[in-house]
């Protein structure tokens, strides 16, 4: 597997399969099994994967090949990972709101 993902907006399936070091049919299979991977389609019906799709596919590949999860187990783990990220984002949001309120109070004191 390639160490880094090129800094591009869109990737064709051949590029994605090289990055992941799997055959294109594997990428298409994962696309059908994991609803978080949704490539765009061109007028000629070619798949165009965005950076976030490729990142998600790298995570899926690692869960399946490195961590030895089953497809169902990888789905559950991805969902858990997304909940954890969402929870952390909520915590950061609450902290930012508190900082904003504190700054508003300081501003009032300075006026």
Protein backbone atom coordinates (compact mmCIF):
# COMPACT_ATOMS: atom_id res chain seq x y z
CA UNK A 1 0.00 0.00 0.00
CA UNK A 2 1.22 3.46 -0.81
CA UNK A 3 2.35 5.47 2.21
CA UNK A 4 0.49 8.62 1.31
CA UNK A 5 -2.52 9.67 -0.67
CA UNK A 6 -1.74 12.20 -3.42
CA UNK A 7 -3.13 15.68 -2.89
CA UNK A 8 -5.89 15.56 -5.49
CA UNK A 9 -9.61 16.25 -5.42
CA UNK A 10 -10.73 13.21 -7.40
CA UNK A 11 -9.35 9.74 -8.05
CA UNK A 12 -10.37 7.14 -10.60
CA UNK A 13 -10.89 3.59 -9.44
CA UNK A 14 -7.55 2.45 -10.89
CA UNK A 15 -5.70 5.06 -8.83
CA UNK A 16 -7.62 4.11 -5.71
CA UNK A 17 -6.88 0.42 -6.21
CA UNK A 18 -3.16 1.20 -6.53
CA UNK A 19 -3.19 3.35 -3.39
CA UNK A 20 -4.93 0.55 -1.48
CA UNK A 21 -2.95 -2.24 -3.18
CA UNK A 22 -6.13 -4.17 -4.04
CA UNK A 23 -7.89 -5.00 -7.28
CA UNK A 24 -10.58 -2.59 -8.57
CA UNK A 25 -13.33 -5.18 -8.00
CA UNK A 26 -12.43 -5.15 -4.29
CA UNK A 27 -12.91 -1.38 -4.18
CA UNK A 28 -16.30 -1.77 -5.89
CA UNK A 29 -17.26 -4.51 -3.41
CA UNK A 30 -16.33 -2.36 -0.42
CA UNK A 31 -18.32 0.47 -1.96
CA UNK A 32 -21.37 -1.80 -2.03
CA UNK A 33 -20.82 -3.04 1.54
CA UNK A 34 -19.98 0.27 3.24
CA UNK A 35 -22.48 3.04 2.61
CA UNK A 36 -20.00 5.69 3.75
CA UNK A 37 -18.13 5.41 0.44
CA UNK A 38 -20.10 7.20 -2.26
CA UNK A 39 -18.07 8.10 -5.33
CA UNK A 40 -19.37 10.60 -7.83
CA UNK A 41 -20.31 9.37 -11.30
CA UNK A 42 -19.28 11.05 -14.53
CA UNK A 43 -21.55 11.25 -17.56
CA UNK A 44 -19.81 8.14 -18.87
CA UNK A 45 -20.61 6.42 -15.52
CA UNK A 46 -17.01 6.31 -14.30
CA UNK A 47 -16.47 6.45 -10.56
CA UNK A 48 -14.67 9.47 -9.15
CA UNK A 49 -13.60 9.05 -5.54
CA UNK A 50 -13.10 12.14 -3.38
CA UNK A 51 -10.30 12.47 -0.83
CA UNK A 52 -12.67 11.55 2.00
CA UNK A 53 -13.77 8.41 0.12
CA UNK A 54 -10.15 7.34 -0.27
CA UNK A 55 -9.47 8.06 3.41
CA UNK A 56 -12.50 5.96 4.33
CA UNK A 57 -11.33 3.14 2.06
CA UNK A 58 -7.87 3.21 3.66
CA UNK A 59 -9.54 2.86 7.06
CA UNK A 60 -11.71 -0.01 5.76
CA UNK A 61 -8.66 -1.73 4.29
CA UNK A 62 -6.78 -1.43 7.59
CA UNK A 63 -9.74 -2.79 9.56
CA UNK A 64 -10.14 -5.74 7.21
CA UNK A 65 -6.55 -6.63 6.38
CA UNK A 66 -4.44 -5.38 9.29
CA UNK A 67 -6.90 -5.69 12.18
CA UNK A 68 -8.62 -8.80 10.75
CA UNK A 69 -12.20 -7.57 11.18
CA UNK A 70 -15.02 -9.21 9.25
CA UNK A 71 -17.13 -6.99 6.99
CA UNK A 72 -19.84 -6.78 9.67
CA UNK A 73 -17.26 -6.10 12.38
CA UNK A 74 -15.63 -3.39 10.29
CA UNK A 75 -19.04 -1.74 9.75
CA UNK A 76 -19.64 -1.70 13.51
CA UNK A 77 -16.15 -0.39 14.22
CA UNK A 78 -16.53 2.41 11.64
CA UNK A 79 -19.84 3.43 13.19
CA UNK A 80 -18.23 3.45 16.64
CA UNK A 81 -15.30 5.52 15.33
CA UNK A 82 -17.71 8.05 13.82
CA UNK A 83 -19.66 8.30 17.11
CA UNK A 84 -16.40 8.88 19.00
CA UNK A 85 -15.38 11.66 16.60
CA UNK A 86 -18.84 13.21 16.81
CA UNK A 87 -18.71 13.12 20.62
CA UNK A 88 -15.28 14.81 20.63
CA UNK A 89 -16.55 17.47 18.24
CA UNK A 90 -19.51 18.13 20.55
CA UNK A 91 -17.12 18.57 23.48
CA UNK A 92 -14.98 21.01 21.47
CA UNK A 93 -18.10 22.92 20.41
CA UNK A 94 -19.24 23.28 24.03
CA UNK A 95 -15.80 24.53 25.03
CA UNK A 96 -15.81 27.07 22.20
CA UNK A 97 -19.23 28.34 23.27
CA UNK A 98 -17.92 28.77 26.83
CA UNK A 99 -14.86 30.66 25.56
CA UNK A 100 -17.09 32.86 23.40
CA UNK A 101 -19.27 33.72 26.41
CA UNK A 102 -16.17 34.49 28.47
CA UNK A 103 -14.81 36.76 25.77
CA UNK A 104 -18.16 38.53 25.51
CA UNK A 105 -18.03 39.20 29.27
CA UNK A 106 -14.47 40.54 28.99
CA UNK A 107 -15.58 42.78 26.11
CA UNK A 108 -18.42 44.17 28.25
CA UNK A 109 -15.96 44.92 31.04
CA UNK A 110 -13.67 46.78 28.66
CA UNK A 111 -16.44 48.95 27.21
